[in-house]
Every structure is written in structure tokens, then in C-alpha cells.
Amino acid sequence: MPRPPARGLCSRRYPAVLRPNSAPADVKEYPSSYVFVLDMPGLKSGDIGVQIEEGNVLSISGERKREEQQQKQKEKENDEAEVQLSPFISVVVRCSYGLEGLCSSASLLAAPFENPLYAKVVNPTLSPQHLQDLPGFTRSIYRRDHAVITPESHVFSPLPDWKNTLGAYLITPATGAHFVMYLAKMTSSIYLYVHESGIFQFVNLESALPAKDVERFVFVLQRNLMMSNGSGMREVLDVDSYAYLPANYVHAFTCDTSAFVVVFERRYEYLENHSPEAVVSSTQLQKLLETPGEVFELRKLLPTNAAYDFNIHIMDFQPGEYLNVKEVHYNQHGLLLLEGRGIYRLGDSWYPIQAGDAIWMAPFVPQWYAALGKTRSRYLLYKDVNRDPL
């Protein structure tokens, strides 16, 4: 699929005339079609109307109802703000032919304020305040047996075969790991294809299947996803929910607005007479497990039987709590700090970490963690299990 242009590009042949409350739009011409990319937060493709008006004008419009409570609050704050106080948000993009220049204007309607559960992962503090303007500064580090990847070092690019999704790979086999860990941003733009025949086609945000024999684990950090499989089953995954998909399991993740997820994938290590099943659940549904000799709270998100060759742990520490065991073991780890801050020992080095940081730990690297600050510290941990290291 051809990649749409960067926002702000202009076409002299096919201009766009935008109403004052219109959504930002990009237009790209192809041999037999035109592609319109629009930012319309909160709207589903079914909420958007498309029609050709008099004068060969393409009109794209949508409405989104505001929450009643939010509406009343807006009226109280400013009873003269006509656009903000309307019970509907109308977005119209008009594209007419024969004029000069194509322009995009920023939407006047800002996205609603939200404070998601894992806000510091979605909108991380990039670096300490006194170092943010220092050129070249990063807390990221890579060593032979461990790596700390911090948000200011994340590089997002289009994920292969995913629709309208950017990804940042944090851990891959290039580091020495036998799994991958990446962040995926399914953005809020809606693709509209307009063919010369007059046919309109919406393309929602959608994931791609992993490679053959690769299993996948998806954990939702922001908004929600719709998961479907080859049998027609559909599940909604909210923040703090997750899904495990066995190797070669046909599935797709879609969303109508936007979503932010962390994904783990690895090539499944088959074990005779054992077959894992798909799992869809949430952190809060998993019981706390005993941790003899430790004070942290532990939840395991996947079944512990031998069919599963890895597990994902949620570990919670209160301020001042720490691991009693200074671990050295054959397991590999991939970690994403979801909340709080602390200090991590890896090998002979000590690293301050905070929400949004990712860590890779190779087998047998000494490791230890202590929670600092004034709030709970929580991390998501990948761990390979149930297989002979030989």
C-alpha cells in the first residue's frame, strides 16, 4: 500500500478547501485513486459521511456526541464558545478541483483530556529537567549482557504490513535476545480511498499477523483494541488488558480511534503433546501469588503449564521495597516499567529508571531492583520458562 505523504504537503492540481472547524487532512494522488488521510479523533468509519456535492466537491463529514457532563461543564466555563459547546462535533473536509494549492489546517478541536492508568508510559518524561536541553544526552545504554532503552531514544517507524501504525523496537535478536519487544502506536487518522470510479473505501487501523511459528503477546497501555480471530470471535481489550496468541493463530487487532500497546513475540519452541491456547484477560483478574522471602506483589498473566514457553509477570513494589534475591539465572528478561521509579542493578552497573523505560537482561547477568519515590512501582516482565536450556 503506498504510504501517504507527510502532513503539510501541497498539490497544485487538487486543492482542499477546509472549513474553520475541519480536521487536518492530507491528499495524495495515485494513478487510479486518491488517498485522503484525516485526523478525526473519537469517530468511527461508520460515523463518517462521504458524498460528492454540486461543483464536483467531495464532502467528508462526521459527528461525535459529547458526554453530557462534559457538555454542561463547557457551557458553564464559556457560554459564548459556539463550536466547543455544540452537542455535536462536526468535521467537514471539502476537496474541489481546478483551484490552486492544497493546504491543511490544524483542527480547532483538541483531543479530550485523559489521564490513563499508564500515563507515564504513554507520555513519558524524556530526561531529567536540568538535562533536557543538553544536546546528545540520553539515559539509554547498551552492553553485551543488558540494555536500558529510555523514551528519548525511541525511534518510531511504520510497522511492516500494519495499517496506519508506528512501532519502536526496543529488544530484538540483534541485542542477543531470542524474542522481540516493541511499542506500537495505532494512530487516530482514518484512511479514505477515493477511486476514479467514484468508489469510497475506509481503511481502519489494523495489525498484521506475525511470521510463521511466531507467538505473540499484546498488552494495552492506552485506549482499547478490538481483537478478532478466524472463527469470528471478537473481544474488546481495555487498558491493562492483554491477549496471548499462539503461533499460527489467525487474529487481528483493530481500533477506530487510536491505541498504544506493547508487544512481545518469539518463535515458539514446540513440546510434544503440548499445545498452548489463546488467552484474553486483564491484570486485575489475576490473583496475587505467594512470593516467599520477598515483599513485592506478583501476578502471572499466562498459565504456568508446560505448553507455554514464556510467561509475563506484573510485579508491584511500594516505595522503599526491593528484591531480596540478587538474581543470576539462565532466563532472559524483557522489562517495561509501567509506573513509578527506582534503581536497577545490571551486572556491575546501577541505573536510575522511571516509567516508560525498557530493559533487556541476558542470561546470568546479575540483577536487582529497588523502588524509589512516593508512589507504587510496577513493571511488566517477560520471562522464558518451561524449556530445557539445552
Protein backbone atom coordinates (compact mmCIF):
# COMPACT_ATOMS: atom_id res chain seq x y z
CA MET A 1 0.00 0.00 0.00
CA PRO A 2 1.50 3.38 -0.92
CA ARG A 3 2.48 5.46 2.04
CA PRO A 4 0.59 8.76 2.38
CA PRO A 5 2.59 11.99 2.33
CA ALA A 6 3.74 13.93 5.34
CA ARG A 7 1.22 16.47 6.62
CA GLY A 8 1.54 19.87 5.03
CA LEU A 9 2.45 18.76 1.50
CA CYS A 10 0.52 20.63 -1.15
CA SER A 11 -0.80 19.62 -4.55
CA ARG A 12 -1.41 22.43 -7.03
CA ARG A 13 -3.83 20.31 -9.02
CA TYR A 14 -6.11 19.05 -6.27
CA PRO A 15 -6.59 21.66 -3.56
CA ALA A 16 -8.53 21.14 -0.35
CA VAL A 17 -10.84 23.87 0.93
CA LEU A 18 -11.21 23.39 4.68
CA ARG A 19 -13.93 24.81 6.90
CA PRO A 20 -12.71 26.52 10.10
CA ASN A 21 -13.59 23.53 12.31
CA SER A 22 -12.30 20.91 9.90
CA ALA A 23 -9.89 18.10 10.64
CA PRO A 24 -6.29 18.11 9.37
CA ALA A 25 -6.15 16.30 6.03
CA ASP A 26 -3.52 15.10 3.59
CA VAL A 27 -4.26 14.19 -0.02
CA LYS A 28 -2.15 12.01 -2.28
CA GLU A 29 -2.80 11.29 -5.96
CA TYR A 30 -2.19 7.80 -7.41
CA PRO A 31 -2.77 6.55 -10.97
CA SER A 32 -6.30 5.29 -10.31
CA SER A 33 -7.24 6.75 -6.95
CA TYR A 34 -6.75 9.50 -4.38
CA VAL A 35 -5.89 8.89 -0.72
CA PHE A 36 -7.21 11.21 1.97
CA VAL A 37 -5.70 10.87 5.47
CA LEU A 38 -7.76 12.66 8.13
CA ASP A 39 -7.34 13.11 11.87
CA MET A 40 -10.83 12.60 13.30
CA PRO A 41 -10.38 11.53 16.95
CA GLY A 42 -13.30 9.71 18.50
CA LEU A 43 -15.01 8.93 15.19
CA LYS A 44 -15.52 5.50 13.72
CA SER A 45 -15.65 4.95 9.99
CA GLY A 46 -19.38 4.26 10.32
CA ASP A 47 -19.88 7.75 11.81
CA ILE A 48 -18.44 9.49 8.76
CA GLY A 49 -20.42 10.52 5.71
CA VAL A 50 -18.93 10.91 2.23
CA GLN A 51 -20.68 12.49 -0.74
CA ILE A 52 -19.99 14.43 -3.92
CA GLU A 53 -21.72 17.80 -3.87
CA GLU A 54 -22.54 20.23 -6.64
CA GLY A 55 -19.48 21.59 -8.39
CA ASN A 56 -17.57 18.29 -8.10
CA VAL A 57 -16.85 18.86 -4.41
CA LEU A 58 -16.02 15.88 -2.19
CA SER A 59 -17.55 16.37 1.26
CA ILE A 60 -16.44 14.27 4.24
CA SER A 61 -18.28 14.88 7.50
CA GLY A 62 -18.69 13.24 10.87
CA GLU A 63 -20.39 13.76 14.20
CA ARG A 64 -19.35 12.73 17.67
CA LYS A 65 -21.65 13.20 20.69
CA ARG A 66 -20.07 14.72 23.73
CA GLU A 67 -20.63 13.32 27.19
CA GLU A 68 -23.49 15.21 28.86
CA GLN A 69 -21.42 16.08 31.89
CA GLN A 70 -18.60 17.44 29.79
CA GLN A 71 -21.11 19.45 27.78
CA LYS A 72 -22.56 21.12 30.88
CA GLN A 73 -19.10 21.92 32.17
CA LYS A 74 -18.18 23.58 28.89
CA GLU A 75 -21.37 25.64 28.98
CA LYS A 76 -20.54 26.80 32.48
CA GLU A 77 -17.00 27.78 31.54
CA ASN A 78 -17.85 29.70 28.40
CA ASP A 79 -21.36 30.10 27.12
CA GLU A 80 -20.11 32.01 24.09
CA ALA A 81 -17.86 29.28 22.64
CA GLU A 82 -20.27 28.09 19.99
CA VAL A 83 -18.05 25.41 18.46
CA GLN A 84 -16.99 23.93 21.79
CA LEU A 85 -20.48 23.99 23.27
CA SER A 86 -22.28 22.28 20.45
CA PRO A 87 -23.61 18.86 21.48
CA PHE A 88 -22.01 17.51 18.34
CA ILE A 89 -18.62 17.95 16.75
CA SER A 90 -18.94 18.30 13.00
CA VAL A 91 -15.91 17.82 10.80
CA VAL A 92 -16.07 18.58 7.09
CA VAL A 93 -13.24 18.40 4.58
CA ARG A 94 -14.02 19.63 1.07
CA CYS A 95 -11.80 18.85 -1.90
CA SER A 96 -12.58 20.67 -5.13
CA TYR A 97 -10.75 20.66 -8.41
CA GLY A 98 -9.33 23.36 -10.64
CA LEU A 99 -8.14 25.79 -7.96
CA GLU A 100 -4.55 26.47 -7.00
CA GLY A 101 -2.86 24.93 -3.99
CA LEU A 102 -3.75 22.27 -1.44
CA CYS A 103 -3.48 23.25 2.19
CA SER A 104 -4.00 21.61 5.56
CA SER A 105 -5.04 23.47 8.68
CA ALA A 106 -4.82 22.28 12.25
CA SER A 107 -8.05 21.27 13.91
CA LEU A 108 -9.52 23.72 16.41
CA LEU A 109 -10.90 20.83 18.41
CA ALA A 110 -8.31 19.46 20.78
CA ALA A 111 -8.42 15.86 21.96
CA PRO A 112 -10.25 15.47 25.29
CA PHE A 113 -8.08 15.43 28.39
CA GLU A 114 -7.39 11.99 29.73
CA ASN A 115 -5.19 10.53 32.42
CA PRO A 116 -4.74 6.86 31.54
CA LEU A 117 -3.57 4.25 34.00
CA TYR A 118 -0.11 4.14 32.46
CA ALA A 119 0.15 7.84 31.65
CA LYS A 120 3.90 7.96 32.24
CA VAL A 121 4.48 5.26 29.64
CA VAL A 122 2.22 6.90 27.07
CA ASN A 123 3.61 10.40 27.78
CA PRO A 124 6.96 9.77 29.45
CA THR A 125 9.36 12.26 30.98
CA LEU A 126 12.11 12.15 28.39
CA SER A 127 15.01 13.09 30.64
CA PRO A 128 15.73 14.90 33.90
CA GLN A 129 14.57 18.51 33.71
CA HIS A 130 18.05 20.01 34.06
CA LEU A 131 19.37 17.83 31.21
CA GLN A 132 16.54 18.06 28.70
CA ASP A 133 18.26 20.78 26.68
CA LEU A 134 21.70 19.15 26.70
CA PRO A 135 22.48 18.06 23.12
CA GLY A 136 23.18 14.38 22.77
CA PHE A 137 22.04 13.43 26.26
CA THR A 138 20.33 10.06 26.76
CA ARG A 139 19.94 7.64 29.65
CA SER A 140 19.93 4.71 27.22
CA ILE A 141 22.78 2.24 27.47
CA TYR A 142 23.70 -0.97 25.65
CA ARG A 143 26.10 -3.60 26.96
CA ARG A 144 26.94 -7.15 25.98
CA ASP A 145 24.56 -8.64 28.57
CA HIS A 146 21.98 -5.90 29.17
CA ALA A 147 20.43 -2.76 27.77
CA VAL A 148 18.38 0.14 29.13
CA ILE A 149 16.29 1.84 26.44
CA THR A 150 14.73 5.13 27.55
CA PRO A 151 11.96 7.10 25.80
CA GLU A 152 14.16 9.86 24.39
CA SER A 153 15.90 7.15 22.34
CA HIS A 154 12.76 5.56 20.88
CA VAL A 155 12.66 5.58 17.08
CA PHE A 156 9.20 5.02 15.62
CA SER A 157 8.67 3.94 12.02
CA PRO A 158 5.83 2.22 10.11
CA LEU A 159 5.35 -1.39 11.25
CA PRO A 160 5.54 -3.75 8.26
CA ASP A 161 2.06 -4.72 7.00
CA TRP A 162 0.27 -2.98 9.90
CA LYS A 163 -2.20 -0.32 8.79
CA ASN A 164 -1.52 3.22 9.99
CA THR A 165 0.68 2.03 12.86
CA LEU A 166 4.09 3.15 14.02
CA GLY A 167 6.37 0.89 16.00
CA ALA A 168 9.55 1.24 18.06
CA TYR A 169 11.56 -1.96 18.51
CA LEU A 170 13.15 -1.99 21.97
CA ILE A 171 14.57 -5.53 22.10
CA THR A 172 15.42 -7.78 19.14
CA PRO A 173 17.76 -10.71 18.39
CA ALA A 174 20.36 -8.11 17.41
CA THR A 175 20.87 -7.48 21.15
CA GLY A 176 21.30 -11.21 21.80
CA ALA A 177 17.68 -11.85 22.77
CA HIS A 178 15.60 -14.70 21.36
CA PHE A 179 12.45 -12.56 21.38
CA VAL A 180 11.33 -9.12 20.25
CA MET A 181 9.67 -6.42 22.29
CA TYR A 182 8.21 -3.34 20.67
CA LEU A 183 5.79 -0.48 21.22
CA ALA A 184 3.02 0.05 18.67
CA LYS A 185 1.12 3.30 18.17
CA MET A 186 -2.07 2.78 16.22
CA THR A 187 -2.74 6.38 15.29
CA SER A 188 -6.07 8.21 15.09
CA SER A 189 -6.04 9.03 11.38
CA ILE A 190 -8.65 7.46 9.11
CA TYR A 191 -7.69 6.45 5.58
CA LEU A 192 -10.23 7.21 2.87
CA TYR A 193 -9.52 5.94 -0.65
CA VAL A 194 -11.37 7.69 -3.46
CA HIS A 195 -11.15 5.81 -6.77
CA GLU A 196 -11.72 7.47 -10.13
CA SER A 197 -14.79 5.27 -10.47
CA GLY A 198 -16.30 7.21 -7.54
CA ILE A 199 -15.98 4.33 -5.05
CA PHE A 200 -15.16 5.32 -1.46
CA GLN A 201 -13.32 2.93 0.84
CA PHE A 202 -12.45 3.37 4.52
CA VAL A 203 -9.44 1.55 5.97
CA ASN A 204 -9.40 1.19 9.75
CA LEU A 205 -6.31 0.67 11.89
CA GLU A 206 -5.33 -2.98 11.85
CA SER A 207 -2.47 -5.24 12.93
CA ALA A 208 -0.63 -7.74 10.77
CA LEU A 209 -0.01 -11.40 11.57
CA PRO A 210 3.41 -12.37 12.93
CA ALA A 211 5.69 -14.65 10.93
CA LYS A 212 5.10 -18.40 10.74
CA ASP A 213 5.56 -20.24 14.06
CA VAL A 214 5.81 -16.97 15.99
CA GLU A 215 3.65 -16.44 19.08
CA ARG A 216 2.52 -13.01 20.23
CA PHE A 217 1.57 -11.24 23.47
CA VAL A 218 -0.13 -7.82 23.36
CA PHE A 219 -0.67 -5.59 26.42
CA VAL A 220 -2.82 -2.44 26.12
CA LEU A 221 -1.33 0.77 27.54
CA GLN A 222 -3.77 3.35 26.16
CA ARG A 223 -7.36 3.39 24.82
CA ASN A 224 -8.67 0.00 23.69
CA LEU A 225 -8.46 -2.58 20.92
CA MET A 226 -10.88 -4.94 19.24
CA MET A 227 -9.42 -8.42 18.82
CA SER A 228 -10.96 -10.91 16.40
CA ASN A 229 -9.96 -14.37 15.28
CA GLY A 230 -10.59 -16.63 12.30
CA SER A 231 -13.72 -18.08 13.94
CA GLY A 232 -15.47 -14.73 14.24
CA MET A 233 -14.84 -14.29 17.97
CA ARG A 234 -14.46 -10.62 18.99
CA GLU A 235 -13.10 -9.27 22.26
CA VAL A 236 -12.57 -5.69 23.45
CA LEU A 237 -9.28 -5.11 25.24
CA ASP A 238 -9.20 -2.07 27.54
CA VAL A 239 -6.17 -0.56 29.26
CA ASP A 240 -4.41 -3.16 31.45
CA SER A 241 -5.91 -5.99 29.35
CA TYR A 242 -3.89 -8.36 27.23
CA ALA A 243 -4.01 -11.20 24.74
CA TYR A 244 -1.73 -14.15 24.08
CA LEU A 245 -1.94 -15.61 20.58
CA PRO A 246 -0.27 -18.99 19.91
CA ALA A 247 1.91 -19.50 16.87
CA ASN A 248 -0.01 -19.54 13.57
CA TYR A 249 -3.21 -18.39 15.29
CA VAL A 250 -5.22 -16.24 12.87
CA HIS A 251 -6.16 -12.97 14.50
CA ALA A 252 -6.33 -9.21 14.04
CA PHE A 253 -6.33 -6.16 16.29
CA THR A 254 -8.32 -3.16 15.12
CA CYS A 255 -9.33 0.17 16.60
CA ASP A 256 -11.43 3.06 15.39
CA THR A 257 -9.53 5.90 17.05
CA SER A 258 -6.05 5.17 18.40
CA ALA A 259 -4.27 2.81 20.78
CA PHE A 260 -0.86 2.29 22.34
CA VAL A 261 0.36 -1.24 23.12
CA VAL A 262 3.49 -3.17 23.99
CA VAL A 263 4.06 -6.39 22.06
CA PHE A 264 6.25 -9.43 22.75
CA GLU A 265 6.92 -12.02 20.03
CA ARG A 266 9.12 -15.09 19.84
CA ARG A 267 9.43 -18.22 17.76
CA TYR A 268 7.51 -20.90 19.60
CA GLU A 269 9.54 -23.80 20.96
CA TYR A 270 7.31 -26.82 20.38
CA LEU A 271 6.98 -29.51 23.03
CA GLU A 272 5.49 -32.89 22.18
CA ASN A 273 1.90 -33.40 23.34
CA HIS A 274 1.55 -29.79 24.45
CA SER A 275 -0.33 -27.02 22.68
CA PRO A 276 -0.96 -23.58 24.19
CA GLU A 277 -4.35 -21.93 23.89
CA ALA A 278 -5.17 -18.30 23.23
CA VAL A 279 -5.62 -16.17 26.36
CA VAL A 280 -7.57 -12.92 26.67
CA SER A 281 -7.76 -11.38 30.13
CA SER A 282 -6.70 -8.42 32.29
CA THR A 283 -4.25 -7.80 35.11
CA GLN A 284 -6.93 -7.22 37.74
CA LEU A 285 -8.42 -10.68 37.09
CA GLN A 286 -5.17 -12.42 38.03
CA LYS A 287 -4.75 -13.38 41.66
CA LEU A 288 -1.78 -12.36 43.75
CA LEU A 289 0.75 -15.17 44.17
CA GLU A 290 2.87 -16.01 47.14
CA THR A 291 6.45 -14.75 47.00
CA PRO A 292 8.35 -16.49 49.83
CA GLY A 293 11.09 -14.29 51.23
CA GLU A 294 10.00 -11.30 49.11
CA VAL A 295 7.73 -8.32 49.76
CA PHE A 296 6.64 -7.38 46.23
CA GLU A 297 3.26 -8.37 44.76
CA LEU A 298 3.33 -10.82 41.85
CA ARG A 299 0.79 -11.72 39.19
CA LYS A 300 1.43 -14.14 36.34
CA LEU A 301 -0.59 -13.31 33.25
CA LEU A 302 -0.31 -16.66 31.44
CA PRO A 303 -0.90 -20.26 32.53
CA THR A 304 2.13 -21.90 34.11
CA ASN A 305 1.78 -25.31 32.43
CA ALA A 306 4.40 -26.70 30.06
CA ALA A 307 2.53 -25.73 26.88
CA TYR A 308 3.72 -22.12 27.35
CA ASP A 309 7.39 -21.39 26.73
CA PHE A 310 7.28 -17.90 28.28
CA ASN A 311 5.28 -16.01 30.83
CA ILE A 312 4.57 -12.36 31.56
CA HIS A 313 4.73 -11.13 35.14
CA ILE A 314 3.29 -7.99 36.72
CA MET A 315 5.38 -7.01 39.75
CA ASP A 316 4.37 -4.25 42.18
CA PHE A 317 6.69 -2.58 44.72
CA GLN A 318 5.78 0.04 47.27
CA PRO A 319 8.29 2.88 47.81
CA GLY A 320 11.36 1.55 49.61
CA GLU A 321 10.68 -2.11 48.79
CA TYR A 322 13.30 -4.13 46.93
CA LEU A 323 14.22 -7.60 45.76
CA ASN A 324 15.82 -9.70 48.49
CA VAL A 325 17.39 -12.07 45.99
CA LYS A 326 20.19 -10.75 43.81
CA GLU A 327 19.19 -12.87 40.83
CA VAL A 328 21.56 -14.71 38.49
CA HIS A 329 19.79 -17.27 36.29
CA TYR A 330 19.55 -18.74 32.80
CA ASN A 331 16.31 -16.92 31.89
CA GLN A 332 16.16 -13.91 29.60
CA HIS A 333 14.09 -10.89 30.55
CA GLY A 334 12.38 -8.03 28.77
CA LEU A 335 11.01 -5.38 31.12
CA LEU A 336 8.84 -2.28 30.73
CA LEU A 337 8.44 -0.05 33.77
CA LEU A 338 4.75 0.89 33.81
CA GLU A 339 4.60 3.09 36.91
CA GLY A 340 6.90 4.73 39.41
CA ARG A 341 10.66 4.84 39.53
CA GLY A 342 13.57 3.03 41.10
CA ILE A 343 17.11 1.79 40.66
CA TYR A 344 18.15 -1.33 38.79
CA ARG A 345 21.43 -3.16 39.18
CA LEU A 346 22.56 -4.91 35.99
CA GLY A 347 25.97 -6.53 36.12
CA ASP A 348 28.27 -4.10 37.91
CA SER A 349 26.24 -1.01 36.95
CA TRP A 350 23.39 0.80 38.72
CA TYR A 351 20.75 2.60 36.67
CA PRO A 352 18.00 5.02 37.79
CA ILE A 353 14.87 4.10 35.87
CA GLN A 354 11.37 5.53 35.57
CA ALA A 355 8.04 4.75 33.91
CA GLY A 356 8.49 4.27 30.17
CA ASP A 357 11.98 2.74 30.41
CA ALA A 358 12.62 -0.70 28.91
CA ILE A 359 15.32 -3.17 29.96
CA TRP A 360 16.82 -6.26 28.33
CA MET A 361 18.61 -8.76 30.56
CA ALA A 362 20.67 -11.59 29.12
CA PRO A 363 21.05 -14.95 30.87
CA PHE A 364 23.21 -14.87 34.01
CA VAL A 365 23.54 -11.10 34.26
CA PRO A 366 23.32 -10.15 37.96
CA GLN A 367 20.11 -8.19 38.53
CA TRP A 368 18.39 -6.42 41.41
CA TYR A 369 15.71 -3.75 41.80
CA ALA A 370 14.62 -1.25 44.46
CA ALA A 371 11.61 1.07 44.25
CA LEU A 372 12.14 4.76 44.98
CA GLY A 373 9.89 7.82 45.03
CA LYS A 374 6.50 8.27 46.67
CA THR A 375 4.22 6.07 44.56
CA ARG A 376 3.88 2.43 43.62
CA SER A 377 6.38 0.99 41.18
CA ARG A 378 5.03 -1.55 38.68
CA TYR A 379 6.73 -3.35 35.84
CA LEU A 380 5.80 -5.80 33.13
CA LEU A 381 8.35 -8.62 32.80
CA TYR A 382 8.92 -11.19 30.05
CA LYS A 383 10.49 -14.45 31.19
CA ASP A 384 11.18 -17.63 29.19
CA VAL A 385 10.08 -20.75 31.09
CA ASN A 386 9.28 -24.48 30.85
CA ARG A 387 12.04 -25.43 28.42
CA ASP A 388 15.34 -27.24 28.91
CA PRO A 389 18.16 -24.75 28.27
CA LEU A 390 19.97 -27.45 26.28
